[in-house]
Protein backbone atom coordinates (compact mmCIF):
# COMPACT_ATOMS: atom_id res chain seq x y z
CA MET A 1 0.00 -0.04 -0.03
CA ALA A 2 1.29 3.35 -0.78
CA ARG A 3 2.21 5.76 1.92
CA LYS A 4 -0.25 8.28 3.04
CA ILE A 5 0.54 11.91 2.18
CA SER A 6 0.19 14.32 4.92
CA THR A 7 -1.97 17.33 4.83
CA GLU A 8 1.01 19.38 5.44
CA ASP A 9 3.01 17.88 2.33
CA GLY A 10 -0.14 17.83 0.19
CA ARG A 11 -0.74 21.56 0.75
CA ALA A 12 3.00 22.14 0.19
CA ALA A 13 2.91 20.55 -3.08
CA LEU A 14 -0.15 22.09 -4.09
CA ALA A 15 1.43 25.49 -3.18
CA GLY A 16 4.43 24.61 -5.37
CA VAL A 17 2.00 23.75 -8.28
CA SER A 18 0.19 26.88 -8.05
CA SER A 19 3.74 28.90 -8.26
CA GLY A 20 3.34 28.26 -12.01
CA ASP A 21 6.39 26.06 -12.66
CA PRO A 22 6.25 23.02 -10.44
CA GLY A 23 8.99 20.63 -10.15
CA ARG A 24 8.43 17.01 -10.86
CA THR A 25 8.18 16.21 -7.10
CA ASP A 26 5.74 18.80 -6.31
CA LEU A 27 3.50 17.84 -9.25
CA ALA A 28 3.53 14.07 -8.43
CA THR A 29 2.97 14.63 -4.92
CA ALA A 30 0.00 16.96 -5.51
CA VAL A 31 -1.58 14.57 -7.92
CA ARG A 32 -1.34 11.79 -5.35
CA TYR A 33 -2.50 13.65 -2.53
CA LEU A 34 -5.64 14.82 -4.44
CA LEU A 35 -6.18 11.14 -5.69
CA GLN A 36 -5.76 10.23 -1.80
CA LEU A 37 -8.38 12.58 -0.96
CA LEU A 38 -10.73 11.40 -3.70
CA ALA A 39 -10.38 7.97 -2.51
CA GLU A 40 -11.13 8.93 0.94
CA LYS A 41 -14.31 10.72 -0.38
CA ALA A 42 -15.62 8.05 -2.40
CA PRO A 43 -14.19 4.47 -1.22
CA GLY A 44 -14.65 1.61 -3.42
CA HIS A 45 -13.50 -0.35 -6.47
CA THR A 46 -16.01 0.55 -9.26
CA VAL A 47 -14.31 3.38 -11.10
CA GLU A 48 -10.60 3.65 -11.66
CA VAL A 49 -9.13 7.24 -11.86
CA ARG A 50 -5.72 7.35 -13.60
CA VAL A 51 -3.24 10.14 -13.77
CA PRO A 52 -0.29 8.84 -15.60
CA PRO A 53 2.56 8.75 -14.90
CA PHE A 54 1.88 9.53 -11.19
CA GLY A 55 -1.00 7.51 -9.83
CA ALA A 56 -4.19 5.90 -9.93
CA VAL A 57 -7.01 5.11 -7.42
CA GLN A 58 -10.08 2.93 -7.42
CA ILE A 59 -13.37 4.79 -6.10
CA ILE A 60 -17.09 4.28 -5.72
CA GLU A 61 -18.79 1.34 -4.10
CA GLY A 62 -20.22 -1.23 -6.28
CA PRO A 63 -19.09 -4.10 -8.68
CA ARG A 64 -15.54 -4.85 -8.07
CA HIS A 65 -13.43 -5.75 -11.03
CA THR A 66 -10.37 -8.27 -10.65
CA ARG A 67 -8.70 -8.53 -13.82
CA GLY A 68 -7.91 -6.60 -16.72
CA THR A 69 -8.96 -3.27 -17.57
CA PRO A 70 -11.91 -1.96 -15.22
CA PRO A 71 -15.29 -1.28 -17.10
CA ASN A 72 -15.24 2.31 -15.68
CA VAL A 73 -12.03 4.34 -16.32
CA VAL A 74 -11.35 7.93 -16.09
CA GLU A 75 -7.92 9.09 -17.34
CA THR A 76 -6.61 12.71 -17.48
CA ASP A 77 -3.20 14.38 -17.32
CA PRO A 78 -1.66 15.73 -14.12
CA MET A 79 -2.60 19.56 -14.63
CA THR A 80 -5.94 18.73 -15.72
CA TRP A 81 -6.43 16.57 -12.62
CA ILE A 82 -5.23 19.25 -10.33
CA SER A 83 -7.66 21.95 -12.06
CA LEU A 84 -10.67 19.68 -11.84
CA ALA A 85 -9.85 18.69 -8.24
CA LEU A 86 -9.34 22.17 -7.01
CA GLY A 87 -12.45 23.57 -9.02
CA GLN A 88 -10.39 25.64 -11.24
CA GLN A 89 -11.94 23.71 -14.32
CA GLN A 90 -15.36 22.21 -14.65
CA TRP A 91 -15.65 18.45 -15.70
CA GLN A 92 -17.87 19.18 -18.92
CA GLU A 93 -15.41 21.77 -20.14
CA ALA A 94 -12.34 19.53 -19.80
CA ALA A 95 -14.28 16.66 -21.24
CA ALA A 96 -15.35 18.92 -24.26
CA GLN A 97 -11.58 19.68 -24.97
CA GLY A 98 -10.68 16.17 -24.90
CA ARG A 99 -8.51 16.51 -21.65
CA ILE A 100 -10.64 13.68 -19.83
CA LEU A 101 -10.93 10.12 -21.32
CA ALA A 102 -13.92 8.58 -19.39
CA SER A 103 -15.46 5.05 -20.37
CA GLY A 104 -18.25 3.36 -18.44
CA VAL A 105 -21.59 4.10 -17.27
CA ARG A 106 -20.32 5.30 -13.87
CA ALA A 107 -17.19 7.21 -15.25
CA ASP A 108 -18.58 10.61 -14.69
CA ILE A 109 -17.25 11.65 -11.38
CA SER A 110 -18.02 15.39 -11.65
CA ASP A 111 -20.41 15.22 -8.52
CA LEU A 112 -17.27 14.22 -6.56
CA LEU A 113 -15.39 17.43 -7.59
CA PRO A 114 -14.04 19.89 -6.52
CA LEU A 115 -12.25 18.29 -3.47
CA ARG A 116 -11.71 20.37 -0.45
CA PRO A 117 -7.98 19.91 0.40
């Protein structure tokens, strides 16, 4: 199991990202921290949220998949994930721009966003 990112470390990474030119460490920590918050908000194994190359979590209660690609997948880039999670961008806008790849009937997680770190 991945180590839990402390609130202090997560907020410091988010501050580093908001500076405009984030280092890879800040970007990775910010993405993983926000994924951690999402998993805490909506625990489960029905939807997989992927933010390559930094992390992925399974969320939302319901049917669990055990092998292969899960039926409900959300994938986006790190900066889009951060802007969605912080409420700086809306799900529908990012999806319309092709910045979110979502497949499956339960893959729209817009009702879980923004997160409140």
